[in-house]
């Protein structure tokens, strides 16, 4: 049997988070796992991943990419199930309803504090996080994790949060602005302090370029 499982990431309150569902049946009952399920006969893998993610979270139209195929015959004690893992990104965790999805109740967990995961989903988490960090360094994938309008400080914070290390702010700003990936908007964000310039990504689709 072939399944798809999706590691869904979002950044909120300065923490990288992922969405997990609590399994309700079988030997893995009570454990947490990434949203997923079996591929239908004749169904394309990408379409299956989007369907399963929508059924579990209500999300549609999110950034989605295939990661890796996990095929150890012992990964699922019920049967030999090959799982194709995906990574999905959203700008705001509140875009989905963290309630009862088709696989069971789900909620956001901080990536650094995930509970024990069912099957080989811990390996999927490691693989997905490695892919996300890597893509931040050679593409504009941050557009899928930030609101359409953001301050430069928010962009810096996103990178520091996901990469798990401080950012050389002056060098980071110089390189990002030289690449022409951002557009400075005509309006600013006003608050208690001086107005903060707002930016958006020039392209809302994936581009490959050496970011760091």
N, C-alpha and C. Protein backbone atom coordinates (compact mmCIF):
# COMPACT_ATOMS: atom_id res chain seq x y z
N UNK A 1 0.85 -1.20 0.00
CA UNK A 1 0.00 0.00 0.00
C UNK A 1 0.88 1.24 0.00
N UNK A 2 0.35 2.30 -0.59
CA UNK A 2 1.09 3.56 -0.67
C UNK A 2 0.31 4.63 0.10
N UNK A 3 1.02 5.37 0.93
CA UNK A 3 0.41 6.45 1.70
C UNK A 3 1.17 7.74 1.45
N UNK A 4 0.57 8.86 1.84
CA UNK A 4 1.23 10.15 1.84
C UNK A 4 1.09 10.75 3.24
N UNK A 5 2.14 11.39 3.72
CA UNK A 5 2.13 12.08 5.01
C UNK A 5 2.77 13.44 4.81
N UNK A 6 2.21 14.47 5.45
CA UNK A 6 2.68 15.83 5.22
C UNK A 6 3.12 16.50 6.51
N UNK A 7 4.37 16.97 6.51
CA UNK A 7 4.92 17.74 7.62
C UNK A 7 4.57 19.20 7.36
N UNK A 8 3.67 19.73 8.16
CA UNK A 8 3.17 21.10 7.98
C UNK A 8 3.87 22.02 8.97
N UNK A 9 4.52 23.07 8.45
CA UNK A 9 5.24 24.02 9.29
C UNK A 9 4.58 25.39 9.26
N UNK A 10 4.71 26.10 10.39
CA UNK A 10 4.35 27.51 10.49
C UNK A 10 5.20 28.12 11.58
N UNK A 11 5.39 29.43 11.52
CA UNK A 11 6.13 30.14 12.56
C UNK A 11 5.17 31.06 13.30
N UNK A 12 5.16 30.96 14.63
CA UNK A 12 4.28 31.81 15.44
C UNK A 12 4.94 32.08 16.78
N UNK A 13 4.83 33.31 17.23
CA UNK A 13 5.37 33.71 18.54
C UNK A 13 6.85 33.35 18.67
N UNK A 14 7.59 33.52 17.58
CA UNK A 14 9.02 33.27 17.63
C UNK A 14 9.41 31.81 17.73
N UNK A 15 8.49 30.91 17.38
CA UNK A 15 8.76 29.47 17.45
C UNK A 15 8.33 28.80 16.15
N UNK A 16 9.13 27.84 15.71
CA UNK A 16 8.75 27.02 14.57
C UNK A 16 7.84 25.91 15.07
N UNK A 17 6.68 25.76 14.44
CA UNK A 17 5.68 24.80 14.90
C UNK A 17 5.27 23.86 13.77
N UNK A 18 4.78 22.69 14.16
CA UNK A 18 4.29 21.72 13.19
C UNK A 18 2.98 21.15 13.69
N UNK A 19 2.14 20.72 12.76
CA UNK A 19 0.80 20.26 13.10
C UNK A 19 0.77 18.73 13.16
N UNK A 20 0.26 18.20 14.27
CA UNK A 20 0.18 16.76 14.48
C UNK A 20 -1.25 16.35 14.81
N UNK A 21 -1.59 15.13 14.44
CA UNK A 21 -2.90 14.56 14.79
C UNK A 21 -2.70 13.39 15.73
N UNK A 22 -3.63 13.22 16.64
CA UNK A 22 -3.57 12.10 17.59
C UNK A 22 -4.33 10.92 17.01
N UNK A 23 -3.65 9.82 16.78
CA UNK A 23 -4.24 8.66 16.14
C UNK A 23 -5.27 7.99 17.05
N UNK A 24 -6.34 7.50 16.47
CA UNK A 24 -7.47 6.98 17.23
C UNK A 24 -7.62 5.46 17.14
N UNK A 25 -6.88 4.82 16.24
CA UNK A 25 -7.10 3.39 16.02
C UNK A 25 -5.77 2.64 15.87
N UNK A 26 -5.83 1.32 16.04
CA UNK A 26 -4.67 0.47 15.81
C UNK A 26 -3.65 0.51 16.92
N UNK A 27 -2.50 -0.11 16.66
CA UNK A 27 -1.46 -0.21 17.67
C UNK A 27 -0.85 1.14 18.01
N UNK A 28 -0.99 2.11 17.12
CA UNK A 28 -0.44 3.44 17.36
C UNK A 28 -1.44 4.39 18.00
N UNK A 29 -2.57 3.86 18.43
CA UNK A 29 -3.60 4.70 19.03
C UNK A 29 -3.04 5.51 20.20
N UNK A 30 -3.36 6.79 20.24
CA UNK A 30 -2.90 7.67 21.29
C UNK A 30 -1.59 8.37 20.97
N UNK A 31 -0.89 7.91 19.95
CA UNK A 31 0.34 8.58 19.54
C UNK A 31 0.04 9.67 18.53
N UNK A 32 1.03 10.51 18.31
CA UNK A 32 0.88 11.63 17.39
C UNK A 32 1.57 11.33 16.07
N UNK A 33 1.03 11.89 15.00
CA UNK A 33 1.58 11.65 13.67
C UNK A 33 1.27 12.85 12.79
N UNK A 34 1.95 12.93 11.66
CA UNK A 34 1.66 13.97 10.69
C UNK A 34 0.40 13.61 9.91
N UNK A 35 -0.36 14.58 9.45
CA UNK A 35 -1.57 14.30 8.68
C UNK A 35 -1.24 13.48 7.43
N UNK A 36 -2.06 12.48 7.16
CA UNK A 36 -1.82 11.67 5.97
C UNK A 36 -2.81 10.53 5.87
N UNK A 37 -2.56 9.66 4.91
CA UNK A 37 -3.43 8.52 4.69
C UNK A 37 -3.09 7.83 3.38
N UNK A 38 -3.88 6.84 3.02
CA UNK A 38 -3.60 6.04 1.84
C UNK A 38 -3.95 6.76 0.55
N UNK A 39 -3.20 6.45 -0.50
CA UNK A 39 -3.44 6.97 -1.83
C UNK A 39 -4.52 6.11 -2.49
N UNK A 40 -5.48 6.75 -3.14
CA UNK A 40 -6.53 6.01 -3.84
C UNK A 40 -5.99 5.40 -5.13
N UNK A 41 -6.62 4.35 -5.58
CA UNK A 41 -6.23 3.72 -6.85
C UNK A 41 -6.36 4.75 -7.98
N UNK A 42 -5.30 4.92 -8.75
CA UNK A 42 -5.31 5.85 -9.87
C UNK A 42 -5.08 7.29 -9.49
N UNK A 43 -4.86 7.59 -8.21
CA UNK A 43 -4.70 8.97 -7.75
C UNK A 43 -3.23 9.39 -7.82
N UNK A 44 -2.98 10.59 -8.34
CA UNK A 44 -1.63 11.13 -8.37
C UNK A 44 -1.17 11.44 -6.95
N UNK A 45 0.13 11.28 -6.70
CA UNK A 45 0.66 11.46 -5.35
C UNK A 45 0.43 12.88 -4.83
N UNK A 46 0.75 13.89 -5.64
CA UNK A 46 0.57 15.27 -5.18
C UNK A 46 -0.89 15.55 -4.87
N UNK A 47 -1.78 15.03 -5.72
CA UNK A 47 -3.20 15.24 -5.47
C UNK A 47 -3.65 14.54 -4.19
N UNK A 48 -3.11 13.35 -3.94
CA UNK A 48 -3.43 12.63 -2.71
C UNK A 48 -2.95 13.39 -1.49
N UNK A 49 -1.74 13.96 -1.57
CA UNK A 49 -1.20 14.72 -0.44
C UNK A 49 -2.07 15.94 -0.15
N UNK A 50 -2.49 16.63 -1.19
CA UNK A 50 -3.35 17.81 -0.98
C UNK A 50 -4.72 17.40 -0.43
N UNK A 51 -5.24 16.29 -0.92
CA UNK A 51 -6.54 15.82 -0.43
C UNK A 51 -6.45 15.44 1.04
N UNK A 52 -5.44 14.67 1.40
CA UNK A 52 -5.30 14.24 2.79
C UNK A 52 -5.07 15.43 3.71
N UNK A 53 -4.29 16.40 3.27
CA UNK A 53 -4.04 17.57 4.10
C UNK A 53 -5.33 18.37 4.28
N UNK A 54 -6.10 18.50 3.22
CA UNK A 54 -7.37 19.24 3.31
C UNK A 54 -8.35 18.53 4.24
N UNK A 55 -8.42 17.20 4.13
CA UNK A 55 -9.35 16.45 4.98
C UNK A 55 -8.96 16.53 6.45
N UNK A 56 -7.68 16.66 6.74
CA UNK A 56 -7.22 16.71 8.12
C UNK A 56 -7.21 18.11 8.72
N UNK A 57 -7.03 19.13 7.87
CA UNK A 57 -6.84 20.48 8.39
C UNK A 57 -7.76 21.52 7.78
N UNK A 58 -8.39 21.21 6.66
CA UNK A 58 -9.20 22.20 5.96
C UNK A 58 -8.40 23.10 5.04
N UNK A 59 -7.09 22.91 4.99
CA UNK A 59 -6.23 23.77 4.18
C UNK A 59 -6.27 23.38 2.71
N UNK A 60 -6.12 24.38 1.85
CA UNK A 60 -5.99 24.13 0.42
C UNK A 60 -5.14 25.25 -0.16
N UNK A 61 -4.43 24.96 -1.25
CA UNK A 61 -3.63 25.97 -1.91
C UNK A 61 -2.36 26.35 -1.19
N UNK A 62 -1.89 25.53 -0.25
CA UNK A 62 -0.67 25.83 0.48
C UNK A 62 0.56 25.42 -0.32
N UNK A 63 1.72 25.96 0.08
CA UNK A 63 2.97 25.51 -0.51
C UNK A 63 3.16 24.04 -0.13
N UNK A 64 3.48 23.20 -1.12
CA UNK A 64 3.62 21.77 -0.87
C UNK A 64 4.72 21.22 -1.77
N UNK A 65 5.62 20.42 -1.20
CA UNK A 65 6.65 19.78 -2.02
C UNK A 65 6.95 18.39 -1.48
N UNK A 66 7.28 17.50 -2.41
CA UNK A 66 7.60 16.12 -2.04
C UNK A 66 9.00 16.06 -1.45
N UNK A 67 9.16 15.26 -0.38
CA UNK A 67 10.42 15.17 0.33
C UNK A 67 11.19 13.89 0.04
N UNK A 68 10.60 12.75 0.42
CA UNK A 68 11.34 11.50 0.42
C UNK A 68 10.33 10.35 0.55
N UNK A 69 10.76 9.17 0.15
CA UNK A 69 9.91 7.99 0.28
C UNK A 69 10.44 7.09 1.39
N UNK A 70 9.58 6.77 2.33
CA UNK A 70 9.94 5.91 3.46
C UNK A 70 9.30 4.54 3.23
N UNK A 71 10.15 3.51 3.05
CA UNK A 71 9.63 2.22 2.64
C UNK A 71 10.07 1.03 3.46
N UNK A 72 10.59 1.26 4.67
CA UNK A 72 10.99 0.13 5.52
C UNK A 72 9.77 -0.77 5.74
N UNK A 73 9.86 -2.08 5.43
CA UNK A 73 8.70 -2.97 5.58
C UNK A 73 8.14 -3.02 7.00
N UNK A 74 8.94 -2.66 7.99
CA UNK A 74 8.49 -2.74 9.38
C UNK A 74 7.98 -1.41 9.92
N UNK A 75 7.88 -0.40 9.07
CA UNK A 75 7.50 0.93 9.55
C UNK A 75 6.07 0.97 10.07
N UNK A 76 5.20 0.13 9.54
CA UNK A 76 3.81 0.04 10.00
C UNK A 76 3.54 -1.42 10.32
N UNK A 77 3.24 -1.75 11.59
CA UNK A 77 3.04 -3.15 11.98
C UNK A 77 1.82 -3.81 11.34
N UNK A 78 0.91 -3.02 10.77
CA UNK A 78 -0.31 -3.59 10.20
C UNK A 78 -0.09 -4.19 8.83
N UNK A 79 0.81 -3.56 8.05
CA UNK A 79 1.01 -3.99 6.66
C UNK A 79 2.26 -3.31 6.13
N UNK A 80 2.69 -3.74 4.95
CA UNK A 80 3.82 -3.08 4.29
C UNK A 80 3.29 -1.85 3.58
N UNK A 81 3.45 -0.69 4.22
CA UNK A 81 2.95 0.57 3.70
C UNK A 81 4.14 1.47 3.36
N UNK A 82 4.25 1.83 2.12
CA UNK A 82 5.27 2.78 1.68
C UNK A 82 4.67 4.18 1.77
N UNK A 83 5.37 5.09 2.45
CA UNK A 83 4.84 6.45 2.61
C UNK A 83 5.72 7.46 1.88
N UNK A 84 5.08 8.30 1.09
CA UNK A 84 5.75 9.41 0.42
C UNK A 84 5.51 10.65 1.27
N UNK A 85 6.60 11.20 1.81
CA UNK A 85 6.49 12.34 2.72
C UNK A 85 6.52 13.65 1.95
N UNK A 86 5.74 14.61 2.44
CA UNK A 86 5.68 15.94 1.86
C UNK A 86 5.94 16.99 2.94
N UNK A 87 6.28 18.18 2.51
CA UNK A 87 6.40 19.33 3.40
C UNK A 87 5.43 20.41 2.92
N UNK A 88 4.69 20.98 3.84
CA UNK A 88 3.78 22.08 3.53
C UNK A 88 4.09 23.26 4.45
N UNK A 89 3.87 24.47 3.95
CA UNK A 89 4.15 25.69 4.71
C UNK A 89 2.94 26.61 4.66
N UNK A 90 2.64 27.24 5.80
CA UNK A 90 1.58 28.25 5.82
C UNK A 90 2.06 29.47 6.60
N UNK A 91 1.43 30.60 6.30
CA UNK A 91 1.84 31.86 6.90
C UNK A 91 1.32 32.02 8.33
N UNK A 92 0.18 31.43 8.63
CA UNK A 92 -0.49 31.69 9.90
C UNK A 92 -1.12 30.40 10.42
N UNK A 93 -0.71 29.92 11.60
CA UNK A 93 -1.30 28.70 12.15
C UNK A 93 -2.81 28.79 12.33
N UNK A 94 -3.33 30.01 12.46
CA UNK A 94 -4.77 30.17 12.68
C UNK A 94 -5.59 29.95 11.41
N UNK A 95 -4.91 29.69 10.29
CA UNK A 95 -5.64 29.44 9.05
C UNK A 95 -6.35 28.09 9.06
N UNK A 96 -5.95 27.20 9.96
CA UNK A 96 -6.63 25.91 10.01
C UNK A 96 -7.30 25.75 11.36
N UNK A 97 -8.24 24.84 11.41
CA UNK A 97 -8.98 24.57 12.63
C UNK A 97 -8.30 23.41 13.35
N UNK A 98 -7.68 23.69 14.49
CA UNK A 98 -6.97 22.66 15.24
C UNK A 98 -7.94 21.84 16.07
N UNK A 99 -8.80 21.15 15.39
CA UNK A 99 -9.80 20.35 16.08
C UNK A 99 -9.74 18.91 15.65
N UNK A 100 -10.88 18.32 15.38
CA UNK A 100 -10.94 16.91 14.98
C UNK A 100 -10.87 16.80 13.46
N UNK A 101 -9.74 16.36 12.96
CA UNK A 101 -9.60 16.07 11.55
C UNK A 101 -10.02 14.64 11.29
N UNK A 102 -9.85 14.20 10.06
CA UNK A 102 -10.28 12.85 9.71
C UNK A 102 -9.48 11.78 10.44
N UNK A 103 -8.21 12.09 10.81
CA UNK A 103 -7.36 11.11 11.49
C UNK A 103 -7.51 11.17 13.00
N UNK A 104 -8.11 12.22 13.50
CA UNK A 104 -8.23 12.38 14.93
C UNK A 104 -7.98 13.83 15.32
N UNK A 105 -8.09 14.14 16.60
CA UNK A 105 -7.86 15.52 17.05
C UNK A 105 -6.43 15.94 16.77
N UNK A 106 -6.28 17.17 16.35
CA UNK A 106 -4.94 17.66 16.03
C UNK A 106 -4.66 19.00 16.67
N UNK A 107 -3.38 19.33 16.79
CA UNK A 107 -2.99 20.65 17.31
C UNK A 107 -1.55 20.93 16.94
N UNK A 108 -1.18 22.19 17.08
CA UNK A 108 0.18 22.62 16.79
C UNK A 108 1.12 22.28 17.94
N UNK A 109 2.32 21.87 17.58
CA UNK A 109 3.37 21.59 18.56
C UNK A 109 4.63 22.34 18.16
N UNK A 110 5.34 22.83 19.14
CA UNK A 110 6.64 23.42 18.87
C UNK A 110 7.58 22.31 18.38
N UNK A 111 8.29 22.57 17.29
CA UNK A 111 9.14 21.54 16.70
C UNK A 111 10.17 21.03 17.70
N UNK A 112 10.69 21.92 18.53
CA UNK A 112 11.71 21.53 19.50
C UNK A 112 11.14 20.72 20.66
N UNK A 113 9.81 20.65 20.76
CA UNK A 113 9.19 19.96 21.90
C UNK A 113 8.09 19.01 21.44
N UNK A 114 8.31 18.32 20.34
CA UNK A 114 7.30 17.39 19.84
C UNK A 114 7.19 16.16 20.75
N UNK A 115 5.98 15.61 20.88
CA UNK A 115 5.82 14.36 21.64
C UNK A 115 6.38 13.19 20.83
N UNK A 116 6.50 11.99 21.42
CA UNK A 116 6.91 10.82 20.65
C UNK A 116 5.95 10.59 19.49
N UNK A 117 6.50 10.31 18.32
CA UNK A 117 5.68 10.17 17.11
C UNK A 117 5.52 8.71 16.71
N UNK A 118 4.39 8.42 16.06
CA UNK A 118 4.10 7.07 15.60
C UNK A 118 4.96 6.73 14.38
N UNK A 119 5.05 5.42 14.12
CA UNK A 119 5.73 4.89 12.93
C UNK A 119 7.15 5.47 12.85
N UNK A 120 7.52 5.95 11.66
CA UNK A 120 8.84 6.58 11.48
C UNK A 120 8.70 8.07 11.25
N UNK A 121 7.67 8.66 11.85
CA UNK A 121 7.42 10.07 11.62
C UNK A 121 8.47 10.97 12.25
N UNK A 122 9.20 10.48 13.25
CA UNK A 122 10.31 11.27 13.79
C UNK A 122 11.38 11.45 12.73
N UNK A 123 11.61 10.42 11.91
CA UNK A 123 12.56 10.53 10.81
C UNK A 123 12.07 11.52 9.76
N UNK A 124 10.75 11.51 9.52
CA UNK A 124 10.18 12.48 8.58
C UNK A 124 10.39 13.90 9.09
N UNK A 125 10.22 14.10 10.38
CA UNK A 125 10.38 15.43 10.96
C UNK A 125 11.81 15.93 10.77
N UNK A 126 12.77 15.06 11.01
CA UNK A 126 14.18 15.44 10.84
C UNK A 126 14.46 15.79 9.39
N UNK A 127 13.96 14.98 8.47
CA UNK A 127 14.20 15.19 7.05
C UNK A 127 13.56 16.50 6.59
N UNK A 128 12.32 16.74 7.02
CA UNK A 128 11.61 17.95 6.60
C UNK A 128 12.28 19.20 7.14
N UNK A 129 12.71 19.18 8.39
CA UNK A 129 13.36 20.34 8.98
C UNK A 129 14.68 20.63 8.26
N UNK A 130 15.42 19.59 7.94
CA UNK A 130 16.67 19.76 7.20
C UNK A 130 16.40 20.39 5.84
N UNK A 131 15.34 19.94 5.15
CA UNK A 131 15.00 20.50 3.84
C UNK A 131 14.62 21.97 3.97
N UNK A 132 13.81 22.30 4.98
CA UNK A 132 13.38 23.69 5.15
C UNK A 132 14.56 24.60 5.41
N UNK A 133 15.45 24.20 6.30
CA UNK A 133 16.63 25.02 6.60
C UNK A 133 17.49 25.20 5.36
N UNK A 134 17.67 24.14 4.61
CA UNK A 134 18.48 24.20 3.41
C UNK A 134 17.88 25.16 2.39
N UNK A 135 16.57 25.06 2.19
CA UNK A 135 15.93 25.90 1.18
C UNK A 135 15.92 27.38 1.57
N UNK A 136 15.91 27.67 2.86
CA UNK A 136 16.01 29.06 3.28
C UNK A 136 17.33 29.67 2.82
N UNK A 137 18.34 28.84 2.68
CA UNK A 137 19.67 29.34 2.35
C UNK A 137 19.92 29.42 0.85
N UNK A 138 19.04 28.81 0.03
CA UNK A 138 19.29 28.92 -1.41
C UNK A 138 18.03 29.22 -2.22
N UNK A 139 17.00 29.71 -1.57
CA UNK A 139 15.78 30.09 -2.30
C UNK A 139 15.03 31.16 -1.53
N UNK A 140 13.93 31.62 -2.11
CA UNK A 140 13.08 32.62 -1.47
C UNK A 140 11.88 31.98 -0.77
N UNK A 141 12.03 30.74 -0.31
CA UNK A 141 10.91 29.98 0.25
C UNK A 141 10.27 30.67 1.46
N UNK A 142 10.95 31.64 2.04
CA UNK A 142 10.39 32.37 3.18
C UNK A 142 9.06 33.02 2.85
N UNK A 143 8.81 33.26 1.56
CA UNK A 143 7.54 33.90 1.18
C UNK A 143 6.33 33.08 1.63
N UNK A 144 6.50 31.76 1.75
CA UNK A 144 5.38 30.89 2.13
C UNK A 144 5.14 30.86 3.63
N UNK A 145 6.04 31.46 4.41
CA UNK A 145 5.92 31.46 5.87
C UNK A 145 5.62 32.84 6.44
N UNK A 146 5.75 33.87 5.62
CA UNK A 146 5.52 35.23 6.10
C UNK A 146 4.21 35.78 5.54
N UNK A 147 3.60 36.75 6.24
CA UNK A 147 2.44 37.44 5.64
C UNK A 147 2.88 38.17 4.38
N UNK A 148 1.95 38.57 3.57
CA UNK A 148 2.30 39.22 2.30
C UNK A 148 2.99 40.56 2.52
N UNK A 149 2.75 41.20 3.65
CA UNK A 149 3.45 42.42 4.01
C UNK A 149 4.15 42.19 5.35
N UNK A 150 5.43 42.55 5.43
CA UNK A 150 6.21 42.28 6.64
C UNK A 150 7.32 43.32 6.77
N UNK A 151 7.83 43.44 7.97
CA UNK A 151 8.98 44.31 8.20
C UNK A 151 10.26 43.51 7.98
N UNK A 152 11.35 44.22 7.79
CA UNK A 152 12.62 43.51 7.61
C UNK A 152 13.00 42.77 8.89
N UNK A 153 12.65 43.33 10.03
CA UNK A 153 12.94 42.67 11.30
C UNK A 153 12.21 41.33 11.39
N UNK A 154 10.99 41.27 10.86
CA UNK A 154 10.25 40.01 10.87
C UNK A 154 10.89 38.98 9.96
N UNK A 155 11.43 39.43 8.83
CA UNK A 155 12.15 38.51 7.94
C UNK A 155 13.39 37.97 8.65
N UNK A 156 14.14 38.84 9.31
CA UNK A 156 15.32 38.40 10.05
C UNK A 156 14.95 37.41 11.15
N UNK A 157 13.87 37.70 11.86
CA UNK A 157 13.44 36.82 12.95
C UNK A 157 13.05 35.44 12.41
N UNK A 158 12.39 35.41 11.26
CA UNK A 158 12.01 34.13 10.66
C UNK A 158 13.24 33.28 10.37
N UNK A 159 14.24 33.88 9.76
CA UNK A 159 15.46 33.14 9.46
C UNK A 159 16.14 32.63 10.73
N UNK A 160 16.26 33.48 11.72
CA UNK A 160 16.91 33.08 12.97
C UNK A 160 16.13 31.97 13.66
N UNK A 161 14.80 32.04 13.60
CA UNK A 161 13.96 31.04 14.25
C UNK A 161 14.09 29.68 13.58
N UNK A 162 13.98 29.64 12.27
CA UNK A 162 14.02 28.37 11.56
C UNK A 162 15.43 27.77 11.56
N UNK A 163 16.43 28.61 11.33
CA UNK A 163 17.80 28.10 11.28
C UNK A 163 18.36 27.80 12.66
N UNK A 164 17.75 28.36 13.69
CA UNK A 164 18.19 28.07 15.05
C UNK A 164 19.52 28.69 15.40
N UNK A 165 19.84 29.83 14.80
CA UNK A 165 21.10 30.51 15.08
C UNK A 165 20.93 32.00 14.79
N UNK A 166 21.79 32.83 15.40
CA UNK A 166 21.70 34.27 15.15
C UNK A 166 22.04 34.61 13.71
N UNK A 167 21.49 35.72 13.25
CA UNK A 167 21.74 36.22 11.91
C UNK A 167 22.62 37.47 11.99
N UNK A 168 23.64 37.53 11.14
CA UNK A 168 24.44 38.75 11.02
C UNK A 168 23.56 39.79 10.32
N UNK A 169 22.94 40.66 11.10
CA UNK A 169 21.87 41.51 10.59
C UNK A 169 22.34 42.44 9.47
N UNK A 170 23.48 43.06 9.64
CA UNK A 170 23.94 44.02 8.63
C UNK A 170 24.25 43.31 7.31
N UNK A 171 24.97 42.19 7.39
CA UNK A 171 25.31 41.45 6.18
C UNK A 171 24.07 40.84 5.54
N UNK A 172 23.14 40.37 6.38
CA UNK A 172 21.90 39.78 5.88
C UNK A 172 21.10 40.81 5.09
N UNK A 173 20.91 41.99 5.65
CA UNK A 173 20.16 43.04 4.97
C UNK A 173 20.82 43.42 3.65
N UNK A 174 22.13 43.58 3.67
CA UNK A 174 22.83 43.98 2.45
C UNK A 174 22.64 42.96 1.33
N UNK A 175 22.77 41.67 1.66
CA UNK A 175 22.67 40.64 0.63
C UNK A 175 21.24 40.47 0.12
N UNK A 176 20.28 40.52 1.03
CA UNK A 176 18.89 40.35 0.62
C UNK A 176 18.46 41.49 -0.30
N UNK A 177 18.80 42.71 0.07
CA UNK A 177 18.38 43.86 -0.73
C UNK A 177 19.08 43.88 -2.08
N UNK A 178 20.31 43.38 -2.15
CA UNK A 178 21.05 43.38 -3.41
C UNK A 178 20.48 42.37 -4.41
N UNK A 179 19.74 41.38 -3.93
CA UNK A 179 19.21 40.34 -4.81
C UNK A 179 17.92 40.75 -5.52
N UNK A 180 17.29 41.81 -5.07
CA UNK A 180 16.06 42.24 -5.71
C UNK A 180 14.88 41.33 -5.45
N UNK A 181 14.91 40.56 -4.36
CA UNK A 181 13.80 39.65 -4.05
C UNK A 181 12.63 40.36 -3.38
N UNK A 182 12.90 41.53 -2.77
CA UNK A 182 11.87 42.23 -2.02
C UNK A 182 11.46 43.52 -2.72
N UNK A 183 10.22 43.92 -2.46
CA UNK A 183 9.72 45.22 -2.89
C UNK A 183 9.41 46.04 -1.64
N UNK A 184 9.96 47.23 -1.57
CA UNK A 184 9.60 48.11 -0.46
C UNK A 184 8.28 48.79 -0.77
N UNK A 185 7.33 48.69 0.14
CA UNK A 185 6.00 49.22 -0.09
C UNK A 185 5.92 50.70 0.24
N UNK A 186 4.95 51.36 -0.29
CA UNK A 186 4.83 52.80 -0.12
C UNK A 186 4.30 53.20 1.25
N UNK A 187 3.67 52.28 1.95
CA UNK A 187 3.14 52.58 3.27
C UNK A 187 3.99 51.88 4.34
N UNK A 188 3.79 52.27 5.58
CA UNK A 188 4.57 51.75 6.69
C UNK A 188 3.65 51.27 7.81
N UNK A 189 4.20 50.50 8.71
CA UNK A 189 3.45 50.05 9.89
C UNK A 189 3.69 51.05 11.02
N UNK A 190 2.62 51.59 11.55
CA UNK A 190 2.73 52.60 12.61
C UNK A 190 2.29 51.99 13.94
N UNK A 191 3.01 52.39 14.99
CA UNK A 191 2.70 51.90 16.32
C UNK A 191 3.25 52.85 17.36
N UNK A 192 3.64 52.29 18.51
CA UNK A 192 4.14 53.12 19.61
C UNK A 192 5.49 53.74 19.26
N UNK A 193 6.26 53.07 18.41
CA UNK A 193 7.57 53.57 18.04
C UNK A 193 7.52 54.20 16.65
N UNK A 194 8.68 54.52 16.10
CA UNK A 194 8.69 55.16 14.79
C UNK A 194 8.18 54.17 13.73
N UNK A 195 7.60 54.68 12.65
CA UNK A 195 7.02 53.79 11.62
C UNK A 195 8.07 52.83 11.07
N UNK A 196 7.64 51.58 10.82
CA UNK A 196 8.52 50.55 10.28
C UNK A 196 8.19 50.32 8.82
N UNK A 197 9.21 50.35 7.98
CA UNK A 197 9.00 50.11 6.55
C UNK A 197 8.47 48.71 6.33
N UNK A 198 7.59 48.57 5.35
CA UNK A 198 7.01 47.29 5.01
C UNK A 198 7.53 46.81 3.66
N UNK A 199 7.65 45.49 3.55
CA UNK A 199 8.15 44.86 2.32
C UNK A 199 7.23 43.72 1.92
N UNK A 200 7.36 43.30 0.68
CA UNK A 200 6.73 42.08 0.21
C UNK A 200 7.71 41.39 -0.73
N UNK A 201 7.52 40.10 -0.95
CA UNK A 201 8.37 39.40 -1.91
C UNK A 201 7.93 39.78 -3.32
N UNK A 202 8.92 40.03 -4.17
CA UNK A 202 8.63 40.39 -5.56
C UNK A 202 7.92 39.26 -6.28
N UNK A 203 8.21 38.03 -5.89
CA UNK A 203 7.56 36.87 -6.50
C UNK A 203 6.99 35.97 -5.41
N UNK A 204 5.74 35.55 -5.61
CA UNK A 204 5.10 34.64 -4.67
C UNK A 204 5.18 33.20 -5.19
N UNK A 205 6.29 32.89 -5.83
CA UNK A 205 6.57 31.52 -6.26
C UNK A 205 8.04 31.25 -6.01
N UNK A 206 8.39 29.98 -5.99
CA UNK A 206 9.74 29.59 -5.58
C UNK A 206 10.78 30.01 -6.60
N UNK A 207 11.85 30.64 -6.09
CA UNK A 207 13.01 30.99 -6.89
C UNK A 207 14.25 30.49 -6.19
N UNK A 208 15.20 29.98 -6.97
CA UNK A 208 16.44 29.45 -6.39
C UNK A 208 17.54 30.47 -6.54
N UNK A 209 18.16 30.82 -5.40
CA UNK A 209 19.21 31.82 -5.38
C UNK A 209 19.95 31.67 -4.05
N UNK A 210 21.22 32.01 -4.02
CA UNK A 210 22.00 31.87 -2.81
C UNK A 210 21.65 33.00 -1.86
N UNK A 211 20.87 32.68 -0.82
CA UNK A 211 20.38 33.71 0.09
C UNK A 211 21.42 34.04 1.17
N UNK A 212 22.13 33.04 1.67
CA UNK A 212 23.06 33.25 2.78
C UNK A 212 24.43 32.74 2.39
